[in-house]
Amino acid sequence: MKAAHLSRQQRILVHCAPISDEHVSDRAMRAAIFRARGTDEFANQQSFDRAVTALVEAIPIPADVAEWFSREDLVPRRKWSWKKTARNPAVVAIGIALAVIAGVFAFQFSEHLHDFPGIGTARKLLGVAGSTKSVMLDPMKVDAGTLGDLFFMKHQLEHYDVPPEFADFRTLGCRVFDDEEGHRVAQIWIVEKKMQLFLFPAEKDPKSGAVRDFSGWRNVEQEGWAGVVREKNGVCFMAALRGSARDLAPYLAKAKE
């Protein structure tokens, strides 16, 4: 019987071929066996492998040796120390990922730590302050503290009063407009450092409708503008100027003197 022409790789695979084709799952091995099947060399190899297998299976196993293989802990499992575990690349990668996630949460928490009800509206109004031109306001040269009566009589806006800290400043103009949510907002432009004052409804609880009040002055900053906000009688007041919260601090200190 002629020997099949096998490549070097196929010849190596044939030498390692199992006795039964049922255990062949590799495609290259199946192709090599198919080409070698029917040759004297392959038949002799298979016969020899079967004879050796039968001989090995016929050898009796001593009882003490058989007992070894019946134990589950024949090969003792080594426990990893915490140092080796910590140096494992997978553990290091997981640790770094958790640290990044924790850092993001910490940053977000610190960013919102000093938030207050109505801060979203306050930030939007800082954007309004940055885009407002003097021609958009009605000329009004009076003390800022006197405009509360005007807002009530002309626009029926109750408690739209300027706090004492800013009541004595002279105004350049004012207006009343509706914001994106339909809330009435009063805007005042004063001479002092071209500061702008805003009065707007305080935020309410969506379920109960109760005013979400807060105490004291709160700082807010947005796109180069800074503001200080407080709530009283369901109305928020904000003084805003181009700069930082430190520029507004001296005006709030007057109330403490």
Protein backbone atom coordinates (compact mmCIF):
# COMPACT_ATOMS: atom_id res chain seq x y z
CA MET A 1 0.00 0.00 0.00
CA LYS A 2 1.47 3.40 -1.00
CA ALA A 3 2.37 5.89 1.64
CA ALA A 4 0.32 9.06 1.51
CA HIS A 5 2.12 12.30 0.79
CA LEU A 6 1.97 14.21 4.08
CA SER A 7 3.41 17.57 4.96
CA ARG A 8 5.83 17.83 7.85
CA GLN A 9 3.11 19.24 10.10
CA GLN A 10 0.64 16.50 9.15
CA ARG A 11 3.25 13.81 9.78
CA ILE A 12 3.86 15.19 13.28
CA LEU A 13 0.11 15.21 13.96
CA VAL A 14 -0.29 11.62 12.73
CA HIS A 15 2.38 10.47 15.17
CA CYS A 16 0.32 11.99 17.96
CA ALA A 17 -3.06 10.75 16.68
CA PRO A 18 -5.36 9.14 19.27
CA ILE A 19 -6.56 5.57 18.92
CA SER A 20 -10.21 6.55 18.50
CA ASP A 21 -11.49 9.18 16.08
CA GLU A 22 -14.11 10.17 18.68
CA HIS A 23 -11.50 12.18 20.57
CA VAL A 24 -10.37 14.16 17.52
CA SER A 25 -11.83 17.67 17.58
CA ASP A 26 -9.01 19.59 15.89
CA ARG A 27 -9.57 20.24 12.18
CA ALA A 28 -5.86 19.92 11.24
CA MET A 29 -5.62 16.61 13.09
CA ARG A 30 -8.70 15.24 11.30
CA ALA A 31 -7.25 16.22 7.91
CA ALA A 32 -3.92 14.54 8.70
CA ILE A 33 -5.61 11.30 9.83
CA PHE A 34 -7.82 11.27 6.75
CA ARG A 35 -4.80 11.47 4.44
CA ALA A 36 -2.81 8.88 6.41
CA ARG A 37 -5.68 6.41 6.90
CA GLY A 38 -5.15 3.20 4.92
CA THR A 39 -1.34 3.42 4.85
CA ASP A 40 0.75 0.60 6.35
CA GLU A 41 2.67 3.05 8.50
CA PHE A 42 -0.46 4.49 10.09
CA ALA A 43 -2.04 1.05 10.53
CA ASN A 44 1.10 -0.25 12.27
CA GLN A 45 1.18 2.78 14.53
CA GLN A 46 -2.47 2.34 15.50
CA SER A 47 -1.96 -1.37 16.20
CA PHE A 48 1.07 -0.62 18.35
CA ASP A 49 -0.77 2.10 20.29
CA ARG A 50 -3.71 -0.25 20.97
CA ALA A 51 -1.36 -2.99 22.18
CA VAL A 52 0.42 -0.64 24.56
CA THR A 53 -2.92 0.68 25.83
CA ALA A 54 -4.19 -2.84 26.52
CA LEU A 55 -0.94 -3.71 28.29
CA VAL A 56 -1.10 -0.62 30.52
CA GLU A 57 -4.75 -1.24 31.39
CA ALA A 58 -3.90 -4.82 32.39
CA ILE A 59 -1.27 -3.76 34.92
CA PRO A 60 -2.79 -3.97 38.43
CA ILE A 61 -2.57 -0.80 40.52
CA PRO A 62 -1.31 -1.30 44.11
CA ALA A 63 -3.84 -0.38 46.78
CA ASP A 64 -1.63 2.28 48.35
CA VAL A 65 -1.11 3.94 44.96
CA ALA A 66 -4.84 3.77 44.15
CA GLU A 67 -5.49 5.49 47.48
CA TRP A 68 -3.32 8.40 46.36
CA PHE A 69 -5.45 9.07 43.32
CA SER A 70 -8.67 8.82 45.29
CA ARG A 71 -7.74 11.85 47.38
CA GLU A 72 -8.95 15.24 46.24
CA ASP A 73 -5.96 16.98 47.79
CA LEU A 74 -3.38 14.95 45.90
CA VAL A 75 -1.89 18.23 44.65
CA PRO A 76 -2.12 20.69 47.54
CA ARG A 77 -3.54 24.07 46.63
CA ARG A 78 -1.31 26.97 47.50
CA LYS A 79 -3.03 29.88 49.13
CA TRP A 80 -2.05 33.30 47.86
CA SER A 81 -0.77 35.78 50.40
CA TRP A 82 -2.40 39.20 50.51
CA LYS A 83 0.79 40.76 49.11
CA LYS A 84 0.77 38.45 46.07
CA THR A 85 -2.95 39.05 45.60
CA ALA A 86 -2.42 42.82 45.72
CA ARG A 87 0.27 42.59 43.04
CA ASN A 88 -1.97 40.61 40.69
CA PRO A 89 -2.57 42.72 37.52
CA ALA A 90 -6.31 42.01 37.54
CA VAL A 91 -6.62 43.11 41.16
CA VAL A 92 -4.55 46.23 40.46
CA ALA A 93 -6.75 47.12 37.48
CA ILE A 94 -9.91 46.69 39.55
CA GLY A 95 -8.42 48.81 42.33
CA ILE A 96 -7.55 51.62 39.92
CA ALA A 97 -11.05 51.53 38.41
CA LEU A 98 -12.67 51.71 41.85
CA ALA A 99 -10.37 54.59 42.83
CA VAL A 100 -11.36 56.54 39.69
CA ILE A 101 -15.07 55.93 40.35
CA ALA A 102 -14.66 57.02 43.98
CA GLY A 103 -12.81 60.14 42.83
CA VAL A 104 -15.61 61.08 40.43
CA PHE A 105 -18.25 60.62 43.13
CA ALA A 106 -16.18 62.67 45.60
CA PHE A 107 -15.77 65.47 43.06
CA GLN A 108 -19.48 65.54 42.29
CA PHE A 109 -20.31 65.50 46.00
CA SER A 110 -17.97 68.43 46.70
CA GLU A 111 -19.39 70.30 43.69
CA HIS A 112 -22.95 70.01 45.05
CA LEU A 113 -22.10 70.22 48.75
CA HIS A 114 -23.04 73.92 48.93
CA ASP A 115 -26.02 73.76 46.58
CA PHE A 116 -29.25 75.35 47.71
CA PRO A 117 -32.87 75.35 46.46
CA GLY A 118 -33.05 77.59 43.41
CA ILE A 119 -29.36 77.43 42.49
CA GLY A 120 -30.27 76.35 38.96
CA THR A 121 -32.35 79.49 38.42
CA ALA A 122 -29.64 81.63 39.99
CA ARG A 123 -27.04 80.29 37.55
CA LYS A 124 -29.32 80.97 34.59
CA LEU A 125 -29.84 84.54 35.79
CA LEU A 126 -26.08 85.03 36.00
CA GLY A 127 -26.08 84.21 32.30
CA VAL A 128 -28.83 86.80 31.81
CA ALA A 129 -26.72 89.35 33.68
CA GLY A 130 -23.81 88.72 31.33
CA SER A 131 -25.93 89.35 28.23
CA THR A 132 -28.05 92.26 29.46
CA LYS A 133 -27.55 95.71 27.89
CA SER A 134 -28.60 98.91 29.60
CA VAL A 135 -31.02 99.74 26.77
CA MET A 136 -33.04 96.65 27.67
CA LEU A 137 -34.05 98.19 31.02
CA ASP A 138 -36.42 101.06 31.77
CA PRO A 139 -34.40 104.06 33.03
CA MET A 140 -34.93 104.44 36.77
CA LYS A 141 -32.68 106.62 38.92
CA VAL A 142 -33.85 105.95 42.47
CA ASP A 143 -32.67 104.07 45.55
CA ALA A 144 -32.90 100.31 44.97
CA GLY A 145 -34.87 99.87 48.19
CA THR A 146 -37.79 101.91 46.89
CA LEU A 147 -38.52 99.61 43.94
CA GLY A 148 -40.41 97.06 46.04
CA ASP A 149 -43.50 99.31 45.99
CA LEU A 150 -43.22 99.72 42.22
CA PHE A 151 -43.04 95.97 41.66
CA PHE A 152 -46.10 95.43 43.85
CA MET A 153 -48.25 98.26 42.45
CA LYS A 154 -47.38 97.85 38.76
CA HIS A 155 -46.73 94.10 38.49
CA GLN A 156 -48.51 92.70 41.61
CA LEU A 157 -45.24 91.14 42.79
CA GLU A 158 -45.43 90.73 46.53
CA HIS A 159 -42.29 90.59 48.72
CA TYR A 160 -40.04 91.63 45.84
CA ASP A 161 -38.05 93.80 48.25
CA VAL A 162 -34.33 94.62 48.07
CA PRO A 163 -32.53 93.67 51.34
CA PRO A 164 -31.02 96.46 53.48
CA GLU A 165 -27.47 95.53 52.40
CA PHE A 166 -28.25 96.80 48.87
CA ALA A 167 -31.24 99.11 49.46
CA ASP A 168 -29.29 102.42 49.44
CA PHE A 169 -27.54 101.98 46.09
CA ARG A 170 -28.69 104.17 43.20
CA THR A 171 -30.20 102.45 40.21
CA LEU A 172 -29.73 102.95 36.48
CA GLY A 173 -32.81 100.99 35.39
CA CYS A 174 -35.02 97.99 35.99
CA ARG A 175 -37.41 95.63 34.26
CA VAL A 176 -39.72 92.66 34.94
CA PHE A 177 -39.68 89.64 32.61
CA ASP A 178 -40.70 85.98 32.50
CA ASP A 179 -37.97 83.32 32.64
CA GLU A 180 -37.96 80.03 30.74
CA GLU A 181 -40.34 78.45 33.26
CA GLY A 182 -42.78 81.37 33.22
CA HIS A 183 -41.73 82.80 36.58
CA ARG A 184 -41.75 86.56 37.04
CA VAL A 185 -38.25 87.96 37.54
CA ALA A 186 -37.38 91.52 38.54
CA GLN A 187 -34.00 92.81 37.35
CA ILE A 188 -32.31 95.97 38.64
CA TRP A 189 -29.11 97.57 37.40
CA ILE A 190 -27.34 99.75 39.96
CA VAL A 191 -24.48 102.23 39.64
CA GLU A 192 -22.22 100.46 42.15
CA LYS A 193 -19.71 98.44 40.06
CA LYS A 194 -22.49 97.93 37.47
CA MET A 195 -23.96 95.38 39.83
CA GLN A 196 -27.25 93.71 38.93
CA LEU A 197 -29.94 92.63 41.36
CA PHE A 198 -32.52 89.91 40.72
CA LEU A 199 -35.70 88.95 42.55
CA PHE A 200 -37.40 85.68 41.61
CA PRO A 201 -39.76 83.09 43.16
CA ALA A 202 -38.13 80.58 45.51
CA GLU A 203 -38.10 76.94 44.50
CA LYS A 204 -41.08 74.87 45.64
CA ASP A 205 -41.47 71.21 46.51
CA PRO A 206 -43.07 69.54 43.46
CA LYS A 207 -45.27 67.30 45.63
CA SER A 208 -46.46 69.56 48.44
CA GLY A 209 -46.01 72.95 46.78
CA ALA A 210 -44.29 74.25 49.90
CA VAL A 211 -41.46 76.75 49.53
CA ARG A 212 -38.03 75.16 49.89
CA ASP A 213 -36.51 77.88 52.02
CA PHE A 214 -32.92 78.20 53.23
CA SER A 215 -31.16 80.47 55.68
CA GLY A 216 -28.33 82.95 55.19
CA TRP A 217 -26.49 84.02 52.07
CA ARG A 218 -25.33 81.45 49.53
CA ASN A 219 -22.69 81.90 46.85
CA VAL A 220 -23.07 80.95 43.20
CA GLU A 221 -20.73 81.43 40.22
CA GLN A 222 -21.19 80.99 36.49
CA GLU A 223 -19.07 82.00 33.47
CA GLY A 224 -17.09 84.79 35.15
CA TRP A 225 -20.04 86.12 37.15
CA ALA A 226 -20.61 85.72 40.87
CA GLY A 227 -23.73 86.10 42.95
CA VAL A 228 -24.97 85.98 46.53
CA VAL A 229 -28.47 84.64 47.12
CA ARG A 230 -30.86 84.60 50.05
CA GLU A 231 -34.52 83.62 50.48
CA LYS A 232 -37.23 85.45 52.37
CA ASN A 233 -41.03 85.17 52.25
CA GLY A 234 -40.91 82.81 49.26
CA VAL A 235 -38.80 85.17 47.15
CA CYS A 236 -35.09 84.84 46.36
CA PHE A 237 -32.88 87.89 46.04
CA MET A 238 -29.54 87.79 44.20
CA ALA A 239 -26.86 90.43 43.83
CA ALA A 240 -24.56 89.69 40.90
CA LEU A 241 -21.44 91.23 39.40
CA ARG A 242 -18.63 90.25 37.08
CA GLY A 243 -15.92 88.75 39.30
CA SER A 244 -15.81 86.32 42.20
CA ALA A 245 -17.60 85.78 45.51
CA ARG A 246 -14.82 87.71 47.27
CA ASP A 247 -15.92 90.88 45.46
CA LEU A 248 -19.38 90.60 47.05
CA ALA A 249 -18.20 89.73 50.57
CA PRO A 250 -17.71 93.39 51.70
CA TYR A 251 -21.37 94.19 50.98
CA LEU A 252 -22.58 91.31 53.15
CA ALA A 253 -20.25 92.30 55.98
CA LYS A 254 -22.20 95.55 56.40
CA ALA A 255 -25.19 93.60 57.72
CA LYS A 256 -23.06 92.09 60.49
CA GLU A 257 -21.67 95.39 61.75
